[in-house]
Amino acid sequence: MTARKSPVGESWDAFWAEVSSGRTEVIRGVEVQVPNDMPLIVERRVEELQDSSRSEDVEELVKLIFGTDCMEHWREAGMGLKEFQTVLTWGLAHASGREMTFAEAYELVQNGEGASGGKATPNRAARRAPSASGGGRSKRTSSVSTASTRTRSQT
């Protein structure tokens, strides 16, 4: 892939706005930008807030990921916990650079592998999301190749 030459004097902000603007989705009546990058602060804030049950902390993370004040609108629209976990899992996957459908995010939530309890878990969600390179489990290594020989004591 060849790099696109940018006009002389183009600022970083103008360039990044051009390459990062993308599609939107409507979720419970709120149009949100499909996340295409994980803000650096999100991972740190997730670690800091992972044991928090304060709704303000969850709202902060949603705002960082989706860039809007959509949490209150979703509440008013009757969004349930499982639905919220699905949206959060979907958003975190996209923010981590992984394409994911809403159905795939829902399946992860159903299997207990998505964002849980209303808490964002981008590392876990990213690890569990199917990868572009196949996404399957590793094959078991033969015990013959990994087994150590047992030595008997000379008693």
N, C-alpha and C. Protein backbone atom coordinates (compact mmCIF):
# COMPACT_ATOMS: atom_id res chain seq x y z
N MET A 1 0.85 -1.17 0.00
CA MET A 1 0.00 0.00 0.00
C MET A 1 0.89 1.23 0.00
N THR A 2 0.62 2.14 -0.87
CA THR A 2 1.41 3.35 -0.94
C THR A 2 0.79 4.43 -0.08
N ALA A 3 1.67 5.18 0.53
CA ALA A 3 1.20 6.25 1.41
C ALA A 3 0.65 7.39 0.57
N ARG A 4 -0.42 7.95 1.02
CA ARG A 4 -1.02 9.09 0.35
C ARG A 4 -0.24 10.33 0.74
N LYS A 5 0.13 11.12 -0.24
CA LYS A 5 0.85 12.35 0.06
C LYS A 5 -0.14 13.39 0.56
N SER A 6 0.21 14.00 1.68
CA SER A 6 -0.68 15.02 2.22
C SER A 6 -0.22 16.39 1.75
N PRO A 7 -1.16 17.29 1.58
CA PRO A 7 -0.80 18.64 1.14
C PRO A 7 0.14 19.30 2.16
N VAL A 8 1.02 20.11 1.65
CA VAL A 8 1.94 20.84 2.52
C VAL A 8 1.12 21.72 3.45
N GLY A 9 1.47 21.68 4.72
CA GLY A 9 0.79 22.51 5.70
C GLY A 9 -0.44 21.86 6.32
N GLU A 10 -0.77 20.65 5.91
CA GLU A 10 -1.91 19.99 6.51
C GLU A 10 -1.58 19.64 7.95
N SER A 11 -2.49 19.91 8.85
CA SER A 11 -2.23 19.62 10.25
C SER A 11 -2.55 18.17 10.56
N TRP A 12 -1.99 17.69 11.66
CA TRP A 12 -2.28 16.33 12.12
C TRP A 12 -3.77 16.18 12.39
N ASP A 13 -4.36 17.15 13.07
CA ASP A 13 -5.77 17.07 13.43
C ASP A 13 -6.66 16.96 12.19
N ALA A 14 -6.34 17.74 11.15
CA ALA A 14 -7.13 17.68 9.93
C ALA A 14 -6.96 16.32 9.25
N PHE A 15 -5.72 15.83 9.21
CA PHE A 15 -5.46 14.52 8.63
C PHE A 15 -6.21 13.44 9.39
N TRP A 16 -6.10 13.43 10.71
CA TRP A 16 -6.71 12.36 11.50
C TRP A 16 -8.24 12.41 11.42
N ALA A 17 -8.80 13.59 11.38
CA ALA A 17 -10.25 13.72 11.24
C ALA A 17 -10.71 13.11 9.92
N GLU A 18 -9.90 13.26 8.88
CA GLU A 18 -10.24 12.70 7.57
C GLU A 18 -10.17 11.17 7.58
N VAL A 19 -9.12 10.61 8.13
CA VAL A 19 -8.96 9.15 8.08
C VAL A 19 -9.79 8.43 9.13
N SER A 20 -10.17 9.09 10.20
CA SER A 20 -10.90 8.40 11.26
C SER A 20 -12.42 8.59 11.19
N SER A 21 -12.87 9.48 10.33
CA SER A 21 -14.33 9.62 10.23
C SER A 21 -14.86 8.41 9.50
N GLY A 22 -15.92 7.89 10.02
CA GLY A 22 -16.44 6.65 9.44
C GLY A 22 -17.93 6.58 9.54
N ARG A 23 -18.40 5.36 9.57
CA ARG A 23 -19.84 5.14 9.56
C ARG A 23 -20.44 5.31 10.96
N THR A 24 -21.73 5.44 10.95
CA THR A 24 -22.46 5.56 12.21
C THR A 24 -23.50 4.45 12.28
N GLU A 25 -23.97 4.18 13.47
CA GLU A 25 -25.05 3.23 13.72
C GLU A 25 -26.05 3.93 14.64
N VAL A 26 -27.30 3.55 14.51
CA VAL A 26 -28.33 4.06 15.41
C VAL A 26 -28.61 2.95 16.42
N ILE A 27 -28.38 3.26 17.68
CA ILE A 27 -28.60 2.30 18.77
C ILE A 27 -29.61 2.92 19.73
N ARG A 28 -30.77 2.30 19.79
CA ARG A 28 -31.87 2.78 20.65
C ARG A 28 -32.16 4.26 20.41
N GLY A 29 -32.19 4.64 19.12
CA GLY A 29 -32.56 5.99 18.75
C GLY A 29 -31.43 7.00 18.81
N VAL A 30 -30.24 6.57 19.20
CA VAL A 30 -29.10 7.48 19.30
C VAL A 30 -28.11 7.13 18.20
N GLU A 31 -27.78 8.11 17.37
CA GLU A 31 -26.78 7.87 16.32
C GLU A 31 -25.39 8.00 16.96
N VAL A 32 -24.62 6.91 16.85
CA VAL A 32 -23.26 6.91 17.41
C VAL A 32 -22.27 6.61 16.30
N GLN A 33 -21.10 7.17 16.43
CA GLN A 33 -19.99 6.88 15.53
C GLN A 33 -19.50 5.48 15.87
N VAL A 34 -19.32 4.63 14.86
CA VAL A 34 -18.76 3.31 15.12
C VAL A 34 -17.32 3.53 15.55
N PRO A 35 -16.97 3.09 16.77
CA PRO A 35 -15.60 3.32 17.24
C PRO A 35 -14.59 2.66 16.31
N ASN A 36 -13.54 3.38 15.98
CA ASN A 36 -12.51 2.79 15.12
C ASN A 36 -11.12 2.90 15.75
N ASP A 37 -11.08 3.34 16.98
CA ASP A 37 -9.82 3.45 17.69
C ASP A 37 -10.12 3.49 19.18
N MET A 38 -9.23 2.96 19.97
CA MET A 38 -9.41 2.95 21.41
C MET A 38 -8.67 4.14 22.01
N PRO A 39 -9.40 5.09 22.58
CA PRO A 39 -8.70 6.19 23.23
C PRO A 39 -7.75 5.64 24.30
N LEU A 40 -6.54 6.16 24.34
CA LEU A 40 -5.53 5.65 25.26
C LEU A 40 -5.98 5.66 26.71
N ILE A 41 -6.81 6.63 27.05
CA ILE A 41 -7.24 6.75 28.44
C ILE A 41 -8.19 5.62 28.84
N VAL A 42 -8.86 4.98 27.88
CA VAL A 42 -9.87 3.97 28.21
C VAL A 42 -9.25 2.80 28.96
N GLU A 43 -8.16 2.27 28.46
CA GLU A 43 -7.56 1.11 29.11
C GLU A 43 -7.15 1.43 30.55
N ARG A 44 -6.57 2.60 30.75
CA ARG A 44 -6.17 3.00 32.10
C ARG A 44 -7.38 3.18 33.00
N ARG A 45 -8.41 3.83 32.47
CA ARG A 45 -9.61 4.06 33.28
C ARG A 45 -10.33 2.75 33.60
N VAL A 46 -10.31 1.79 32.68
CA VAL A 46 -10.93 0.50 32.95
C VAL A 46 -10.23 -0.16 34.13
N GLU A 47 -8.92 -0.12 34.13
CA GLU A 47 -8.16 -0.71 35.25
C GLU A 47 -8.47 0.00 36.56
N GLU A 48 -8.56 1.32 36.50
CA GLU A 48 -8.84 2.09 37.72
C GLU A 48 -10.26 1.87 38.24
N LEU A 49 -11.18 1.63 37.31
CA LEU A 49 -12.59 1.57 37.69
C LEU A 49 -13.18 0.16 37.65
N GLN A 50 -12.35 -0.86 37.46
CA GLN A 50 -12.88 -2.20 37.26
C GLN A 50 -13.72 -2.71 38.42
N ASP A 51 -13.48 -2.25 39.62
CA ASP A 51 -14.27 -2.71 40.76
C ASP A 51 -15.36 -1.72 41.16
N SER A 52 -15.51 -0.67 40.38
CA SER A 52 -16.50 0.35 40.69
C SER A 52 -17.88 -0.09 40.24
N SER A 53 -18.88 0.24 41.02
CA SER A 53 -20.25 -0.03 40.61
C SER A 53 -21.01 1.29 40.42
N ARG A 54 -20.29 2.38 40.45
CA ARG A 54 -20.91 3.70 40.28
C ARG A 54 -21.34 3.91 38.83
N SER A 55 -22.56 4.32 38.61
CA SER A 55 -23.05 4.52 37.24
C SER A 55 -22.28 5.64 36.54
N GLU A 56 -21.78 6.60 37.31
CA GLU A 56 -21.01 7.70 36.71
C GLU A 56 -19.73 7.18 36.05
N ASP A 57 -19.12 6.15 36.66
CA ASP A 57 -17.90 5.59 36.11
C ASP A 57 -18.18 4.85 34.79
N VAL A 58 -19.28 4.13 34.76
CA VAL A 58 -19.67 3.42 33.54
C VAL A 58 -19.99 4.43 32.45
N GLU A 59 -20.73 5.48 32.80
CA GLU A 59 -21.07 6.52 31.84
C GLU A 59 -19.83 7.19 31.28
N GLU A 60 -18.81 7.39 32.12
CA GLU A 60 -17.56 7.98 31.65
C GLU A 60 -16.92 7.11 30.57
N LEU A 61 -16.89 5.81 30.79
CA LEU A 61 -16.30 4.90 29.82
C LEU A 61 -17.10 4.86 28.52
N VAL A 62 -18.42 4.86 28.63
CA VAL A 62 -19.27 4.87 27.44
C VAL A 62 -19.01 6.14 26.64
N LYS A 63 -18.89 7.25 27.32
CA LYS A 63 -18.63 8.52 26.65
C LYS A 63 -17.27 8.50 25.94
N LEU A 64 -16.27 7.89 26.58
CA LEU A 64 -14.94 7.80 25.95
C LEU A 64 -14.96 6.92 24.71
N ILE A 65 -15.76 5.88 24.73
CA ILE A 65 -15.80 4.94 23.60
C ILE A 65 -16.68 5.46 22.46
N PHE A 66 -17.87 5.95 22.79
CA PHE A 66 -18.81 6.36 21.76
C PHE A 66 -18.80 7.86 21.50
N GLY A 67 -18.16 8.62 22.37
CA GLY A 67 -18.00 10.05 22.12
C GLY A 67 -19.25 10.88 22.27
N THR A 68 -20.28 10.33 22.87
CA THR A 68 -21.51 11.10 23.05
C THR A 68 -22.07 10.83 24.44
N ASP A 69 -23.05 11.59 24.80
CA ASP A 69 -23.75 11.37 26.07
C ASP A 69 -24.97 10.50 25.82
N CYS A 70 -24.75 9.29 25.36
CA CYS A 70 -25.86 8.43 24.95
C CYS A 70 -26.41 7.57 26.07
N MET A 71 -25.69 7.42 27.16
CA MET A 71 -26.10 6.52 28.23
C MET A 71 -27.50 6.87 28.77
N GLU A 72 -27.74 8.13 29.02
CA GLU A 72 -29.03 8.56 29.55
C GLU A 72 -30.15 8.30 28.54
N HIS A 73 -29.86 8.55 27.25
CA HIS A 73 -30.86 8.28 26.21
C HIS A 73 -31.18 6.79 26.15
N TRP A 74 -30.16 5.96 26.28
CA TRP A 74 -30.38 4.50 26.25
C TRP A 74 -31.21 4.05 27.45
N ARG A 75 -30.94 4.62 28.62
CA ARG A 75 -31.74 4.30 29.80
C ARG A 75 -33.21 4.66 29.58
N GLU A 76 -33.41 5.88 29.09
CA GLU A 76 -34.78 6.36 28.86
C GLU A 76 -35.49 5.52 27.80
N ALA A 77 -34.75 4.97 26.86
CA ALA A 77 -35.34 4.15 25.80
C ALA A 77 -35.60 2.72 26.27
N GLY A 78 -35.23 2.41 27.52
CA GLY A 78 -35.52 1.10 28.08
C GLY A 78 -34.46 0.04 27.83
N MET A 79 -33.25 0.45 27.53
CA MET A 79 -32.19 -0.52 27.28
C MET A 79 -31.95 -1.36 28.53
N GLY A 80 -31.87 -2.66 28.34
CA GLY A 80 -31.61 -3.58 29.44
C GLY A 80 -30.12 -3.85 29.60
N LEU A 81 -29.77 -4.55 30.68
CA LEU A 81 -28.38 -4.83 30.98
C LEU A 81 -27.72 -5.70 29.91
N LYS A 82 -28.40 -6.74 29.47
CA LYS A 82 -27.82 -7.62 28.45
C LYS A 82 -27.63 -6.85 27.14
N GLU A 83 -28.59 -6.01 26.82
CA GLU A 83 -28.49 -5.19 25.61
C GLU A 83 -27.30 -4.23 25.74
N PHE A 84 -27.15 -3.62 26.90
CA PHE A 84 -26.04 -2.71 27.13
C PHE A 84 -24.70 -3.43 27.03
N GLN A 85 -24.62 -4.62 27.62
CA GLN A 85 -23.39 -5.41 27.54
C GLN A 85 -23.05 -5.75 26.09
N THR A 86 -24.08 -6.04 25.29
CA THR A 86 -23.87 -6.35 23.88
C THR A 86 -23.33 -5.14 23.14
N VAL A 87 -23.94 -3.97 23.36
CA VAL A 87 -23.47 -2.74 22.70
C VAL A 87 -22.04 -2.43 23.13
N LEU A 88 -21.76 -2.58 24.41
CA LEU A 88 -20.41 -2.28 24.91
C LEU A 88 -19.38 -3.26 24.34
N THR A 89 -19.72 -4.54 24.28
CA THR A 89 -18.82 -5.53 23.70
C THR A 89 -18.55 -5.22 22.24
N TRP A 90 -19.60 -4.89 21.50
CA TRP A 90 -19.49 -4.53 20.09
C TRP A 90 -18.60 -3.29 19.91
N GLY A 91 -18.87 -2.27 20.73
CA GLY A 91 -18.09 -1.03 20.63
C GLY A 91 -16.63 -1.23 20.97
N LEU A 92 -16.35 -2.01 22.01
CA LEU A 92 -14.96 -2.26 22.41
C LEU A 92 -14.21 -3.06 21.35
N ALA A 93 -14.90 -4.00 20.71
CA ALA A 93 -14.26 -4.78 19.64
C ALA A 93 -13.87 -3.85 18.50
N HIS A 94 -14.79 -3.00 18.07
CA HIS A 94 -14.49 -2.06 16.98
C HIS A 94 -13.39 -1.10 17.37
N ALA A 95 -13.43 -0.60 18.60
CA ALA A 95 -12.41 0.33 19.07
C ALA A 95 -11.04 -0.34 19.11
N SER A 96 -11.01 -1.65 19.28
CA SER A 96 -9.76 -2.40 19.30
C SER A 96 -9.31 -2.82 17.91
N GLY A 97 -10.07 -2.43 16.88
CA GLY A 97 -9.69 -2.74 15.51
C GLY A 97 -10.24 -4.04 14.98
N ARG A 98 -11.22 -4.60 15.66
CA ARG A 98 -11.82 -5.87 15.23
C ARG A 98 -13.26 -5.63 14.77
N GLU A 99 -13.53 -6.02 13.54
CA GLU A 99 -14.90 -5.96 13.04
C GLU A 99 -15.73 -6.99 13.79
N MET A 100 -16.91 -6.61 14.20
CA MET A 100 -17.80 -7.53 14.91
C MET A 100 -19.23 -7.12 14.63
N THR A 101 -20.08 -8.09 14.41
CA THR A 101 -21.50 -7.79 14.23
C THR A 101 -22.17 -7.72 15.60
N PHE A 102 -23.37 -7.16 15.63
CA PHE A 102 -24.12 -7.14 16.87
C PHE A 102 -24.42 -8.56 17.33
N ALA A 103 -24.71 -9.45 16.38
CA ALA A 103 -25.01 -10.85 16.71
C ALA A 103 -23.80 -11.53 17.35
N GLU A 104 -22.61 -11.27 16.84
CA GLU A 104 -21.39 -11.86 17.42
C GLU A 104 -21.16 -11.32 18.84
N ALA A 105 -21.41 -10.03 19.03
CA ALA A 105 -21.26 -9.45 20.37
C ALA A 105 -22.27 -10.06 21.33
N TYR A 106 -23.50 -10.26 20.86
CA TYR A 106 -24.54 -10.86 21.69
C TYR A 106 -24.15 -12.28 22.08
N GLU A 107 -23.60 -13.03 21.15
CA GLU A 107 -23.17 -14.40 21.45
C GLU A 107 -22.08 -14.41 22.52
N LEU A 108 -21.14 -13.48 22.44
CA LEU A 108 -20.10 -13.38 23.47
C LEU A 108 -20.72 -13.08 24.83
N VAL A 109 -21.68 -12.19 24.86
CA VAL A 109 -22.36 -11.84 26.11
C VAL A 109 -23.10 -13.07 26.64
N GLN A 110 -23.80 -13.78 25.77
CA GLN A 110 -24.53 -14.98 26.18
C GLN A 110 -23.60 -16.03 26.78
N ASN A 111 -22.37 -16.11 26.25
CA ASN A 111 -21.39 -17.08 26.74
C ASN A 111 -20.58 -16.55 27.92
N GLY A 112 -20.93 -15.36 28.41
CA GLY A 112 -20.22 -14.79 29.55
C GLY A 112 -18.84 -14.26 29.20
N GLU A 113 -18.60 -13.98 27.92
CA GLU A 113 -17.27 -13.56 27.49
C GLU A 113 -17.23 -12.11 27.04
N GLY A 114 -18.34 -11.41 27.08
CA GLY A 114 -18.37 -10.02 26.65
C GLY A 114 -18.16 -9.10 27.84
N ALA A 115 -18.50 -7.84 27.65
CA ALA A 115 -18.43 -6.88 28.75
C ALA A 115 -19.48 -7.33 29.77
N SER A 116 -19.09 -7.47 31.02
CA SER A 116 -20.02 -8.04 32.00
C SER A 116 -20.36 -7.07 33.11
N GLY A 117 -21.56 -7.22 33.59
CA GLY A 117 -22.01 -6.43 34.73
C GLY A 117 -22.01 -4.95 34.49
N GLY A 118 -22.06 -4.54 33.21
CA GLY A 118 -22.02 -3.12 32.91
C GLY A 118 -20.64 -2.53 33.01
N LYS A 119 -19.64 -3.35 33.26
CA LYS A 119 -18.28 -2.85 33.35
C LYS A 119 -17.56 -3.14 32.05
N ALA A 120 -16.81 -2.19 31.59
CA ALA A 120 -16.09 -2.36 30.33
C ALA A 120 -14.86 -3.23 30.57
N THR A 121 -14.66 -4.19 29.68
CA THR A 121 -13.49 -5.05 29.78
C THR A 121 -12.85 -5.18 28.40
N PRO A 122 -12.21 -4.11 27.90
CA PRO A 122 -11.72 -4.16 26.54
C PRO A 122 -10.67 -5.23 26.30
N ASN A 123 -9.78 -5.47 27.23
CA ASN A 123 -8.76 -6.47 26.99
C ASN A 123 -9.38 -7.84 26.85
N ARG A 124 -10.29 -8.18 27.73
CA ARG A 124 -10.94 -9.49 27.67
C ARG A 124 -11.80 -9.59 26.42
N ALA A 125 -12.57 -8.54 26.14
CA ALA A 125 -13.42 -8.56 24.95
C ALA A 125 -12.57 -8.67 23.69
N ALA A 126 -11.46 -7.96 23.67
CA ALA A 126 -10.58 -8.02 22.50
C ALA A 126 -9.97 -9.40 22.35
N ARG A 127 -9.56 -10.02 23.47
CA ARG A 127 -8.97 -11.35 23.39
C ARG A 127 -9.98 -12.38 22.94
N ARG A 128 -11.23 -12.23 23.37
CA ARG A 128 -12.26 -13.22 23.07
C ARG A 128 -12.87 -13.03 21.69
N ALA A 129 -12.73 -11.84 21.12
CA ALA A 129 -13.32 -11.58 19.81
C ALA A 129 -12.62 -12.41 18.75
N PRO A 130 -13.39 -12.91 17.77
CA PRO A 130 -12.76 -13.70 16.71
C PRO A 130 -11.75 -12.85 15.96
N SER A 131 -10.58 -13.38 15.72
CA SER A 131 -9.55 -12.62 15.02
C SER A 131 -9.68 -12.82 13.52
N ALA A 132 -9.06 -11.93 12.78
CA ALA A 132 -9.09 -12.02 11.33
C ALA A 132 -8.28 -13.21 10.84
N SER A 133 -7.40 -13.74 11.68
CA SER A 133 -6.55 -14.83 11.23
C SER A 133 -7.13 -16.20 11.55
N GLY A 134 -8.40 -16.29 11.76
CA GLY A 134 -9.02 -17.59 11.97
C GLY A 134 -9.78 -17.67 13.27
N GLY A 135 -9.19 -17.20 14.35
CA GLY A 135 -9.89 -17.12 15.61
C GLY A 135 -10.09 -18.44 16.32
N GLY A 136 -9.52 -19.52 15.81
CA GLY A 136 -9.72 -20.80 16.47
C GLY A 136 -8.76 -21.01 17.62
N ARG A 137 -9.06 -22.03 18.41
CA ARG A 137 -8.18 -22.37 19.53
C ARG A 137 -6.91 -23.01 19.01
N SER A 138 -5.88 -22.94 19.80
CA SER A 138 -4.63 -23.60 19.46
C SER A 138 -4.81 -25.10 19.64
N LYS A 139 -4.07 -25.86 18.85
CA LYS A 139 -4.13 -27.31 18.99
C LYS A 139 -3.30 -27.73 20.19
N ARG A 140 -3.75 -28.77 20.84
CA ARG A 140 -3.05 -29.29 22.01
C ARG A 140 -1.69 -29.82 21.58
N THR A 141 -0.68 -29.52 22.36
CA THR A 141 0.65 -30.04 22.11
C THR A 141 0.71 -31.46 22.63
N SER A 142 1.32 -32.31 21.89
CA SER A 142 1.43 -33.70 22.28
C SER A 142 2.16 -33.81 23.61
N SER A 143 1.64 -34.66 24.51
CA SER A 143 2.30 -34.85 25.80
C SER A 143 3.65 -35.53 25.64
N VAL A 144 3.83 -36.24 24.52
CA VAL A 144 5.12 -36.89 24.27
C VAL A 144 6.20 -35.84 24.08
N SER A 145 5.87 -34.75 23.38
CA SER A 145 6.89 -33.74 23.09
C SER A 145 7.14 -32.81 24.27
N THR A 146 6.22 -32.78 25.23
CA THR A 146 6.38 -31.86 26.35
C THR A 146 6.63 -32.56 27.68
N ALA A 147 6.51 -33.85 27.68
CA ALA A 147 6.66 -34.59 28.94
C ALA A 147 8.13 -34.67 29.33
N SER A 148 8.37 -34.57 30.62
CA SER A 148 9.74 -34.74 31.12
C SER A 148 9.90 -36.17 31.63
N THR A 149 11.10 -36.65 31.57
CA THR A 149 11.33 -38.02 32.02
C THR A 149 11.36 -38.04 33.53
N ARG A 150 10.84 -39.07 34.10
CA ARG A 150 10.75 -39.19 35.53
C ARG A 150 11.98 -39.93 36.05
N THR A 151 12.63 -39.39 37.01
CA THR A 151 13.79 -40.05 37.59
C THR A 151 13.39 -40.68 38.91
N ARG A 152 13.89 -41.87 39.14
CA ARG A 152 13.58 -42.58 40.37
C ARG A 152 14.66 -42.26 41.40
N SER A 153 14.22 -42.15 42.62
CA SER A 153 15.21 -41.92 43.67
C SER A 153 15.95 -43.22 43.97
N GLN A 154 17.15 -43.12 44.35
CA GLN A 154 17.94 -44.31 44.61
C GLN A 154 17.96 -44.62 46.10
N THR A 155 16.85 -45.08 46.57
CA THR A 155 16.73 -45.40 47.98
C THR A 155 16.84 -46.87 48.22
